[in-house]
């Protein structure tokens, strides 16, 4: 290795090791029952963000000085099965896509971390919040720099897990826990789609390396190494994964439920980074989208429908955080349209700008009502609340129908519950009854613990 390659390797390893070290410190202290102070926890978090950002800036400077556009960081094979032609490469890459998204993640994680230090001051779950926050930060770094779909899947899972755990942060209340379970179920669907896509890519190309998908050039100039029919199959799975993670239509029902979590987590997850991770996945695999015209049309259509639905629903919400969440959905839908049209750099710039703006709005949301009241007190009058009729405009045609559509959140929850969840639960219950009937006949006793309660009451009391 040349001195330049060694420098790149050291800096890249430092970028990856910093969030992992933070997660290990906070995780081990929690497992050991040792409670770190608030100042120690926040300083460790800020130090990890800085130790991730500074080496990244150093890599950017070296890349600009040398004209290098792609810097791979290979940390070996964690799993290798030569007989099955399977290799789990722990490989990362610094390029024109990963670097901006990583710097955005570091910047916003640092800002929200500093905001949280005061926002959750003396809260009972202060260290628990930062532990989940460390899981999220580590997942974002891995997802941003991943050069293989397996590594991206690890980061993808960490982001989803931390998201659900932070929605249920106030676990002493029933509603946040229920909403977290709903969000986790949608994430499971997107995770399954991404996992099947990863397996399919291995069968098609023999590896999960993103470089194997691009027969020539680096992002965004590469072209897919698979034909259009294969690209369509893999692309549909990727699109399902992106729809679940970014709350695209018709999987948008979990987005307002996610507002049950603390404001800092709502800002960093559903205004800034996590909600854009699906669009980032589409950008990373844009050569696959470009290989199939049908897939391009599907991506553009899904993004357009999501943007329109988000715009309608955001206008009728009475909760400011939910309204901002649907406004984020509108912009994410537009970003997906840009990806489908091949406007990669425009989509990347849109992600960066929208994430920064929405983070600021969501962090300011708790004080907005007080600011409005202060402003009205200063001017001595109510702020005007202009309606269509007050402005002399005609009411839009089918206005009540559109209002109900937005108020009911596009009827997406009802539709999914009626035509997807309930049939699935009925089939699962039917299979469960058949299985228990068969096992009961084989074992000559009931397989349900509740049926044996009268025979062994002491066990039930001991468990209770």
Protein backbone atom coordinates (compact mmCIF):
# COMPACT_ATOMS: atom_id res chain seq x y z
CA UNK A 1 0.00 0.00 0.00
CA UNK A 2 1.16 3.51 -0.79
CA UNK A 3 1.38 6.17 1.95
CA UNK A 4 -1.76 7.80 0.54
CA UNK A 5 -3.69 4.53 0.69
CA UNK A 6 -2.50 3.96 4.26
CA UNK A 7 -3.68 7.46 5.21
CA UNK A 8 -7.07 6.83 3.64
CA UNK A 9 -7.35 3.52 5.46
CA UNK A 10 -6.49 5.02 8.86
CA UNK A 11 -8.92 7.92 8.46
CA UNK A 12 -11.69 5.66 7.14
CA UNK A 13 -11.25 3.19 9.99
CA UNK A 14 -11.45 6.07 12.49
CA UNK A 15 -14.73 7.23 10.93
CA UNK A 16 -16.25 3.77 11.34
CA UNK A 17 -14.75 3.00 14.77
CA UNK A 18 -15.90 6.18 16.51
CA UNK A 19 -19.68 5.52 16.60
CA UNK A 20 -19.06 1.84 17.36
CA UNK A 21 -16.92 2.85 20.35
CA UNK A 22 -19.66 5.19 21.60
CA UNK A 23 -22.23 2.41 21.33
CA UNK A 24 -19.98 -0.01 23.22
CA UNK A 25 -19.30 2.45 26.05
CA UNK A 26 -22.94 3.40 26.59
CA UNK A 27 -24.16 -0.15 26.06
CA UNK A 28 -21.70 -1.80 28.44
CA UNK A 29 -22.32 0.82 31.13
CA UNK A 30 -26.07 0.17 30.88
CA UNK A 31 -25.58 -3.60 31.02
CA UNK A 32 -23.33 -3.25 34.04
CA UNK A 33 -25.91 -1.09 35.79
CA UNK A 34 -23.50 1.84 35.99
CA UNK A 35 -25.29 5.12 35.40
CA UNK A 36 -23.18 7.71 33.65
CA UNK A 37 -23.79 11.36 34.43
CA UNK A 38 -25.64 13.58 31.99
CA UNK A 39 -22.58 15.67 31.21
CA UNK A 40 -20.42 12.57 30.62
CA UNK A 41 -23.03 11.01 28.33
CA UNK A 42 -23.52 14.15 26.25
CA UNK A 43 -19.78 14.82 26.00
CA UNK A 44 -19.11 11.28 24.84
CA UNK A 45 -21.80 11.68 22.18
CA UNK A 46 -20.42 15.00 20.96
CA UNK A 47 -16.87 13.62 20.97
CA UNK A 48 -17.97 10.67 18.84
CA UNK A 49 -19.64 13.00 16.35
CA UNK A 50 -16.49 15.11 16.10
CA UNK A 51 -14.23 12.06 15.78
CA UNK A 52 -16.41 10.92 12.90
CA UNK A 53 -16.65 14.30 11.19
CA UNK A 54 -13.00 15.38 11.30
CA UNK A 55 -11.52 12.27 9.60
CA UNK A 56 -14.27 12.53 6.99
CA UNK A 57 -13.26 16.12 6.26
CA UNK A 58 -9.64 14.96 6.04
CA UNK A 59 -10.60 12.33 3.46
CA UNK A 60 -12.51 14.95 1.46
CA UNK A 61 -9.49 17.27 1.44
CA UNK A 62 -7.19 14.48 0.26
CA UNK A 63 -9.66 13.43 -2.44
CA UNK A 64 -9.93 16.98 -3.74
CA UNK A 65 -6.15 17.42 -3.68
CA UNK A 66 -5.42 14.17 -5.54
CA UNK A 67 -8.47 14.06 -7.83
CA UNK A 68 -9.56 10.65 -6.50
CA UNK A 69 -13.32 10.10 -6.71
CA UNK A 70 -13.65 6.75 -4.97
CA UNK A 71 -11.93 5.55 -1.79
CA UNK A 72 -12.70 1.96 -0.70
CA UNK A 73 -12.07 0.84 2.88
CA UNK A 74 -11.90 -2.96 3.15
CA UNK A 75 -11.82 -4.56 6.59
CA UNK A 76 -11.71 -8.17 5.44
CA UNK A 77 -14.22 -11.01 5.15
CA UNK A 78 -16.25 -11.56 8.28
CA UNK A 79 -17.97 -14.59 6.76
CA UNK A 80 -16.50 -16.70 3.96
CA UNK A 81 -18.02 -19.91 2.54
CA UNK A 82 -16.02 -20.77 -0.60
CA UNK A 83 -18.11 -23.88 -1.34
CA UNK A 84 -21.27 -21.77 -1.55
CA UNK A 85 -19.46 -18.86 -3.22
CA UNK A 86 -20.54 -16.57 -0.38
CA UNK A 87 -18.33 -13.86 1.06
CA UNK A 88 -19.49 -11.27 3.58
CA UNK A 89 -17.19 -8.35 2.76
CA UNK A 90 -16.99 -5.68 5.42
CA UNK A 91 -16.38 -2.97 2.86
CA UNK A 92 -17.04 0.76 2.93
CA UNK A 93 -16.69 3.46 0.31
CA UNK A 94 -16.21 7.22 0.28
CA UNK A 95 -17.62 8.73 -2.90
CA UNK A 96 -19.78 11.59 -4.12
CA UNK A 97 -22.90 10.10 -2.57
CA UNK A 98 -21.69 8.71 0.75
CA UNK A 99 -19.61 11.72 1.83
CA UNK A 100 -22.38 14.38 1.67
CA UNK A 101 -24.86 12.06 3.38
CA UNK A 102 -22.34 11.15 6.09
CA UNK A 103 -21.45 14.79 6.77
CA UNK A 104 -25.16 15.63 6.90
CA UNK A 105 -25.69 12.81 9.41
CA UNK A 106 -22.81 13.97 11.60
CA UNK A 107 -23.90 17.61 11.54
CA UNK A 108 -27.54 16.96 12.39
CA UNK A 109 -26.71 14.29 14.98
CA UNK A 110 -24.40 16.77 16.67
CA UNK A 111 -27.01 19.54 16.66
CA UNK A 112 -29.82 17.31 17.92
CA UNK A 113 -27.53 15.75 20.53
CA UNK A 114 -26.68 19.18 21.92
CA UNK A 115 -30.37 20.14 21.87
CA UNK A 116 -31.30 16.94 23.71
CA UNK A 117 -28.78 17.64 26.46
CA UNK A 118 -31.01 20.48 27.64
CA UNK A 119 -34.36 19.14 26.44
CA UNK A 120 -34.17 15.92 28.49
CA UNK A 121 -32.30 17.41 31.45
CA UNK A 122 -33.02 15.35 34.60
CA UNK A 123 -35.35 13.02 32.72
CA UNK A 124 -35.42 9.50 34.11
CA UNK A 125 -34.50 7.90 30.78
CA UNK A 126 -31.71 10.30 29.83
CA UNK A 127 -29.00 7.66 29.42
CA UNK A 128 -31.45 5.28 27.73
CA UNK A 129 -32.24 7.92 25.11
CA UNK A 130 -28.57 8.46 24.30
CA UNK A 131 -27.97 4.71 24.13
CA UNK A 132 -30.66 4.37 21.46
CA UNK A 133 -29.30 7.53 19.87
CA UNK A 134 -25.87 5.90 19.65
CA UNK A 135 -27.45 2.88 17.94
CA UNK A 136 -29.04 5.24 15.43
CA UNK A 137 -25.82 7.18 14.81
CA UNK A 138 -23.85 4.00 14.30
CA UNK A 139 -26.52 2.69 11.92
CA UNK A 140 -26.47 5.90 9.88
CA UNK A 141 -22.68 5.79 9.52
CA UNK A 142 -22.76 2.16 8.40
CA UNK A 143 -25.64 2.79 5.98
CA UNK A 144 -24.00 5.88 4.51
CA UNK A 145 -20.61 4.28 3.87
CA UNK A 146 -21.72 0.73 3.06
CA UNK A 147 -20.25 -0.63 -0.16
CA UNK A 148 -22.03 -3.99 0.08
CA UNK A 149 -25.71 -4.64 0.55
CA UNK A 150 -25.02 -6.83 3.61
CA UNK A 151 -23.23 -4.00 5.40
CA UNK A 152 -26.01 -1.62 4.43
CA UNK A 153 -28.55 -4.08 5.82
CA UNK A 154 -26.79 -4.05 9.21
CA UNK A 155 -26.98 -0.26 9.38
CA UNK A 156 -30.53 -0.34 8.04
CA UNK A 157 -31.57 -2.67 10.88
CA UNK A 158 -29.89 -0.52 13.53
CA UNK A 159 -31.70 2.59 12.32
CA UNK A 160 -35.06 0.79 12.35
CA UNK A 161 -34.50 -0.71 15.79
CA UNK A 162 -33.49 2.60 17.37
CA UNK A 163 -36.44 4.31 15.69
CA UNK A 164 -38.99 1.93 17.21
CA UNK A 165 -37.32 2.04 20.63
CA UNK A 166 -37.33 5.84 20.73
CA UNK A 167 -40.98 6.03 19.69
CA UNK A 168 -41.68 3.88 22.78
CA UNK A 169 -39.37 6.06 24.91
CA UNK A 170 -42.27 6.96 27.23
CA UNK A 171 -42.96 3.28 27.87
CA UNK A 172 -45.03 3.96 30.98
CA UNK A 173 -47.82 5.03 28.61
CA UNK A 174 -49.70 2.50 26.49
CA UNK A 175 -50.09 4.54 23.31
CA UNK A 176 -46.37 5.07 22.50
CA UNK A 177 -45.70 1.35 22.95
CA UNK A 178 -48.57 0.42 20.64
CA UNK A 179 -47.42 2.89 18.00
CA UNK A 180 -43.87 1.57 18.23
CA UNK A 181 -45.14 -1.96 17.61
CA UNK A 182 -47.02 -0.75 14.53
CA UNK A 183 -43.93 1.03 13.20
CA UNK A 184 -41.79 -2.03 13.87
CA UNK A 185 -44.18 -4.21 11.88
CA UNK A 186 -43.89 -1.91 8.84
CA UNK A 187 -40.12 -1.87 9.22
CA UNK A 188 -40.13 -5.66 9.26
CA UNK A 189 -41.82 -5.66 5.87
CA UNK A 190 -39.24 -3.31 4.38
CA UNK A 191 -36.40 -5.27 6.02
CA UNK A 192 -37.70 -8.51 4.53
CA UNK A 193 -37.84 -6.94 1.07
CA UNK A 194 -34.27 -5.65 1.40
CA UNK A 195 -33.06 -9.04 2.62
CA UNK A 196 -34.67 -10.86 -0.31
CA UNK A 197 -33.14 -8.27 -2.65
CA UNK A 198 -29.70 -8.94 -1.12
CA UNK A 199 -30.07 -12.70 -1.59
CA UNK A 200 -31.26 -12.19 -5.16
CA UNK A 201 -28.30 -9.95 -5.95
CA UNK A 202 -25.95 -12.65 -4.68
CA UNK A 203 -27.54 -15.20 -7.01
CA UNK A 204 -27.41 -12.83 -9.98
CA UNK A 205 -23.95 -11.31 -9.59
CA UNK A 206 -22.23 -13.73 -7.22
CA UNK A 207 -21.62 -11.00 -4.64
CA UNK A 208 -23.35 -8.22 -2.75
CA UNK A 209 -20.79 -5.57 -3.62
CA UNK A 210 -22.34 -2.46 -5.14
CA UNK A 211 -19.30 -2.25 -7.38
CA UNK A 212 -20.37 -5.55 -8.96
CA UNK A 213 -23.62 -3.93 -10.05
CA UNK A 214 -21.80 -1.19 -11.92
CA UNK A 215 -20.00 -2.62 -14.91
CA UNK A 216 -18.18 0.66 -15.49
CA UNK A 217 -17.57 3.87 -13.60
CA UNK A 218 -18.41 5.01 -10.08
CA UNK A 219 -21.57 6.60 -8.78
CA UNK A 220 -23.54 8.07 -10.51
CA UNK A 221 -21.95 7.13 -13.83
CA UNK A 222 -22.04 3.34 -13.45
CA UNK A 223 -24.36 1.08 -15.38
CA UNK A 224 -26.07 -2.06 -14.08
CA UNK A 225 -24.40 -5.39 -14.81
CA UNK A 226 -27.76 -7.21 -14.93
CA UNK A 227 -30.43 -7.20 -17.64
CA UNK A 228 -33.71 -5.28 -17.51
CA UNK A 229 -35.89 -8.18 -16.29
CA UNK A 230 -33.52 -8.93 -13.42
CA UNK A 231 -33.28 -5.21 -12.64
CA UNK A 232 -37.08 -4.99 -12.51
CA UNK A 233 -37.36 -7.85 -10.00
CA UNK A 234 -34.61 -6.55 -7.72
CA UNK A 235 -35.78 -2.97 -8.16
CA UNK A 236 -39.32 -3.75 -7.02
CA UNK A 237 -37.94 -5.30 -3.82
CA UNK A 238 -35.71 -2.27 -3.27
CA UNK A 239 -38.69 0.01 -3.88
CA UNK A 240 -40.76 -1.84 -1.25
CA UNK A 241 -37.89 -1.50 1.22
CA UNK A 242 -37.57 2.22 0.48
CA UNK A 243 -41.34 2.73 0.75
CA UNK A 244 -41.42 1.19 4.22
CA UNK A 245 -38.45 3.15 5.52
CA UNK A 246 -39.45 6.51 3.98
CA UNK A 247 -43.21 6.13 4.62
CA UNK A 248 -44.11 6.28 0.93
CA UNK A 249 -47.65 5.50 -0.23
CA UNK A 250 -49.36 3.24 0.81
CA UNK A 251 -47.12 2.61 3.85
CA UNK A 252 -47.43 6.17 5.19
CA UNK A 253 -49.72 5.32 8.10
CA UNK A 254 -46.88 4.82 10.57
CA UNK A 255 -45.44 8.32 10.08
CA UNK A 256 -47.88 10.28 12.33
CA UNK A 257 -47.69 7.49 14.90
CA UNK A 258 -43.95 8.07 15.17
CA UNK A 259 -44.58 11.52 16.66
CA UNK A 260 -45.28 9.84 20.02
CA UNK A 261 -41.55 9.92 20.70
CA UNK A 262 -39.57 12.86 22.12
CA UNK A 263 -39.19 15.91 19.89
CA UNK A 264 -35.42 15.41 19.30
CA UNK A 265 -35.95 11.89 18.00
CA UNK A 266 -38.86 13.07 15.83
CA UNK A 267 -36.60 15.72 14.31
CA UNK A 268 -33.59 13.54 13.57
CA UNK A 269 -35.56 10.49 12.46
CA UNK A 270 -38.66 11.68 10.63
CA UNK A 271 -37.59 15.14 9.62
CA UNK A 272 -33.95 14.62 8.73
CA UNK A 273 -32.20 11.29 8.30
CA UNK A 274 -34.23 8.12 8.77
CA UNK A 275 -37.06 9.27 6.52
CA UNK A 276 -34.52 9.97 3.76
CA UNK A 277 -32.78 6.62 4.08
CA UNK A 278 -35.15 5.01 1.58
CA UNK A 279 -34.38 7.71 -0.97
CA UNK A 280 -30.67 7.24 -0.27
CA UNK A 281 -31.04 3.52 -1.00
CA UNK A 282 -32.66 4.33 -4.34
CA UNK A 283 -29.83 6.74 -5.12
CA UNK A 284 -27.19 4.17 -4.24
CA UNK A 285 -28.84 1.58 -6.51
CA UNK A 286 -29.79 4.07 -9.22
CA UNK A 287 -28.05 1.99 -11.96
CA UNK A 288 -30.65 -0.72 -11.35
CA UNK A 289 -33.47 1.80 -11.75
CA UNK A 290 -31.94 3.14 -14.96
CA UNK A 291 -31.75 -0.38 -16.41
CA UNK A 292 -35.55 -0.80 -16.56
CA UNK A 293 -38.00 1.72 -18.01
CA UNK A 294 -40.89 0.03 -16.21
CA UNK A 295 -39.07 0.39 -12.90
CA UNK A 296 -38.40 4.08 -13.59
CA UNK A 297 -42.10 4.67 -14.21
CA UNK A 298 -42.96 2.84 -10.98
CA UNK A 299 -40.50 4.93 -8.96
CA UNK A 300 -41.75 8.21 -10.44
CA UNK A 301 -45.40 7.24 -9.94
CA UNK A 302 -44.89 6.15 -6.33
CA UNK A 303 -43.03 9.35 -5.51
CA UNK A 304 -45.65 11.55 -7.17
CA UNK A 305 -48.57 9.86 -5.40
CA UNK A 306 -46.74 10.09 -2.06
CA UNK A 307 -46.02 13.79 -2.60
CA UNK A 308 -49.65 14.61 -3.45
CA UNK A 309 -51.02 12.60 -0.52
CA UNK A 310 -48.53 14.17 1.87
CA UNK A 311 -49.45 17.68 0.72
CA UNK A 312 -53.18 17.04 1.19
CA UNK A 313 -52.80 15.40 4.60
CA UNK A 314 -50.39 18.00 5.99
CA UNK A 315 -52.91 20.81 5.40
CA UNK A 316 -55.67 19.37 7.60
CA UNK A 317 -53.68 18.17 10.63
CA UNK A 318 -54.27 19.87 13.98
CA UNK A 319 -50.97 18.64 15.47
CA UNK A 320 -47.94 20.61 14.34
CA UNK A 321 -45.53 17.66 14.53
CA UNK A 322 -47.86 15.48 12.45
CA UNK A 323 -48.32 18.30 9.95
CA UNK A 324 -44.54 18.67 9.61
CA UNK A 325 -44.18 14.90 9.26
CA UNK A 326 -46.56 14.86 6.30
CA UNK A 327 -44.78 17.89 4.87
CA UNK A 328 -41.60 15.80 5.03
CA UNK A 329 -43.42 13.04 3.17
CA UNK A 330 -44.27 15.52 0.42
CA UNK A 331 -40.64 16.47 -0.08
CA UNK A 332 -39.44 12.87 0.12
CA UNK A 333 -41.95 12.01 -2.60
CA UNK A 334 -40.52 14.75 -4.79
CA UNK A 335 -37.00 13.45 -4.10
CA UNK A 336 -38.07 9.96 -5.19
CA UNK A 337 -39.46 11.45 -8.41
CA UNK A 338 -36.10 13.13 -9.01
CA UNK A 339 -34.33 9.81 -8.48
CA UNK A 340 -36.65 8.09 -10.93
CA UNK A 341 -35.99 10.79 -13.53
CA UNK A 342 -32.23 10.33 -13.17
CA UNK A 343 -31.61 13.71 -11.51
CA UNK A 344 -29.19 12.26 -8.97
CA UNK A 345 -27.31 15.38 -7.91
CA UNK A 346 -30.53 17.38 -7.64
CA UNK A 347 -32.02 14.67 -5.41
CA UNK A 348 -28.91 14.67 -3.21
CA UNK A 349 -28.98 18.46 -2.83
CA UNK A 350 -32.71 18.27 -2.10
CA UNK A 351 -32.08 15.71 0.66
CA UNK A 352 -29.45 17.89 2.34
CA UNK A 353 -31.50 21.09 2.19
CA UNK A 354 -34.77 19.52 3.26
CA UNK A 355 -33.20 17.60 6.15
CA UNK A 356 -31.66 20.77 7.61
CA UNK A 357 -34.87 22.79 7.24
CA UNK A 358 -37.16 20.13 8.67
CA UNK A 359 -34.87 19.50 11.63
CA UNK A 360 -34.99 23.17 12.56
CA UNK A 361 -38.78 23.26 12.24
CA UNK A 362 -39.36 20.16 14.35
CA UNK A 363 -36.96 21.27 17.07
CA UNK A 364 -38.76 24.61 17.23
CA UNK A 365 -42.25 23.06 17.18
CA UNK A 366 -42.74 22.84 21.00
CA UNK A 367 -42.17 26.59 21.41
CA UNK A 368 -44.14 27.72 18.35
CA UNK A 369 -47.44 28.17 20.20
CA UNK A 370 -45.75 30.26 22.88
CA UNK A 371 -44.06 32.38 20.20
CA UNK A 372 -47.42 32.99 18.50
CA UNK A 373 -48.99 34.02 21.82
CA UNK A 374 -46.08 36.38 22.54
CA UNK A 375 -46.43 37.95 19.10
CA UNK A 376 -50.17 38.46 19.53
CA UNK A 377 -49.57 40.05 22.94
CA UNK A 378 -47.06 42.46 21.42
CA UNK A 379 -49.32 43.58 18.57
CA UNK A 380 -52.42 43.55 20.79
CA UNK A 381 -54.56 41.54 18.37
CA UNK A 382 -55.10 38.09 16.99
CA UNK A 383 -53.10 37.08 13.95
CA UNK A 384 -55.30 36.87 10.85
CA UNK A 385 -56.45 33.38 9.93
CA UNK A 386 -57.42 33.83 6.32
CA UNK A 387 -59.66 31.26 4.69
CA UNK A 388 -60.59 30.71 1.06
CA UNK A 389 -63.89 32.55 1.52
CA UNK A 390 -62.23 35.46 3.34
CA UNK A 391 -59.75 35.90 0.49
CA UNK A 392 -62.53 36.01 -2.08
CA UNK A 393 -61.60 32.67 -3.62
CA UNK A 394 -64.09 30.01 -4.53
CA UNK A 395 -63.95 26.85 -2.51
CA UNK A 396 -62.13 24.11 -4.39
CA UNK A 397 -64.34 21.57 -6.07
CA UNK A 398 -64.83 18.42 -4.03
CA UNK A 399 -63.33 20.33 -1.08
CA UNK A 400 -65.13 18.31 1.58
CA UNK A 401 -64.06 15.05 -0.02
CA UNK A 402 -60.43 16.17 -0.14
CA UNK A 403 -60.65 17.34 3.46
CA UNK A 404 -61.98 13.99 4.58
CA UNK A 405 -59.30 12.22 2.53
CA UNK A 406 -56.62 14.22 4.33
CA UNK A 407 -58.27 13.96 7.73
CA UNK A 408 -58.57 10.18 7.44
CA UNK A 409 -54.95 10.07 6.25
CA UNK A 410 -55.86 8.72 2.86
CA UNK A 411 -57.77 5.78 4.39
CA UNK A 412 -54.46 3.91 4.23
CA UNK A 413 -54.61 2.49 7.76
CA UNK A 414 -58.16 1.24 7.32
CA UNK A 415 -57.37 -0.27 3.92
CA UNK A 416 -54.24 -2.06 5.14
CA UNK A 417 -55.98 -3.34 8.27
CA UNK A 418 -59.00 -4.59 6.33
CA UNK A 419 -57.41 -6.11 3.26
CA UNK A 420 -53.90 -7.03 4.44
CA UNK A 421 -53.60 -7.37 8.22
CA UNK A 422 -56.91 -9.06 9.03
CA UNK A 423 -56.71 -11.70 6.26
CA UNK A 424 -53.13 -12.43 7.28
CA UNK A 425 -54.11 -12.76 10.95
CA UNK A 426 -57.06 -15.00 10.03
CA UNK A 427 -54.83 -17.29 7.98
CA UNK A 428 -52.23 -17.39 10.76
CA UNK A 429 -54.90 -18.17 13.37
CA UNK A 430 -56.33 -20.92 11.17
CA UNK A 431 -52.88 -22.48 10.74
CA UNK A 432 -52.30 -22.17 14.48
CA UNK A 433 -55.53 -24.04 15.26
CA UNK A 434 -54.64 -26.82 12.81
CA UNK A 435 -51.14 -27.13 14.25
CA UNK A 436 -52.40 -27.30 17.83
CA UNK A 437 -55.06 -29.85 16.89
CA UNK A 438 -52.41 -32.09 15.32
CA UNK A 439 -49.97 -31.71 18.21
CA UNK A 440 -52.72 -32.35 20.76
CA UNK A 441 -53.65 -35.62 19.04
CA UNK A 442 -50.02 -36.70 18.81
CA UNK A 443 -49.14 -35.85 22.42
CA UNK A 444 -52.59 -36.71 23.86
CA UNK A 445 -52.60 -33.50 25.86
CA UNK A 446 -53.38 -29.84 25.33
CA UNK A 447 -50.60 -27.66 23.94
CA UNK A 448 -52.03 -24.45 25.39
CA UNK A 449 -50.70 -23.31 28.76
CA UNK A 450 -54.09 -21.80 29.62
CA UNK A 451 -55.71 -25.25 29.27
CA UNK A 452 -53.30 -26.66 31.84
CA UNK A 453 -53.87 -23.86 34.35
CA UNK A 454 -56.31 -25.90 36.43
CA UNK A 455 -53.90 -28.87 36.53
CA UNK A 456 -50.92 -26.80 37.68
CA UNK A 457 -52.22 -23.68 39.48
CA UNK A 458 -49.02 -23.31 41.49
CA UNK A 459 -47.03 -22.63 38.28
CA UNK A 460 -49.45 -19.95 37.18
CA UNK A 461 -49.29 -18.24 40.58
CA UNK A 462 -45.51 -18.41 40.63
CA UNK A 463 -45.27 -16.78 37.18
CA UNK A 464 -47.77 -14.10 38.13
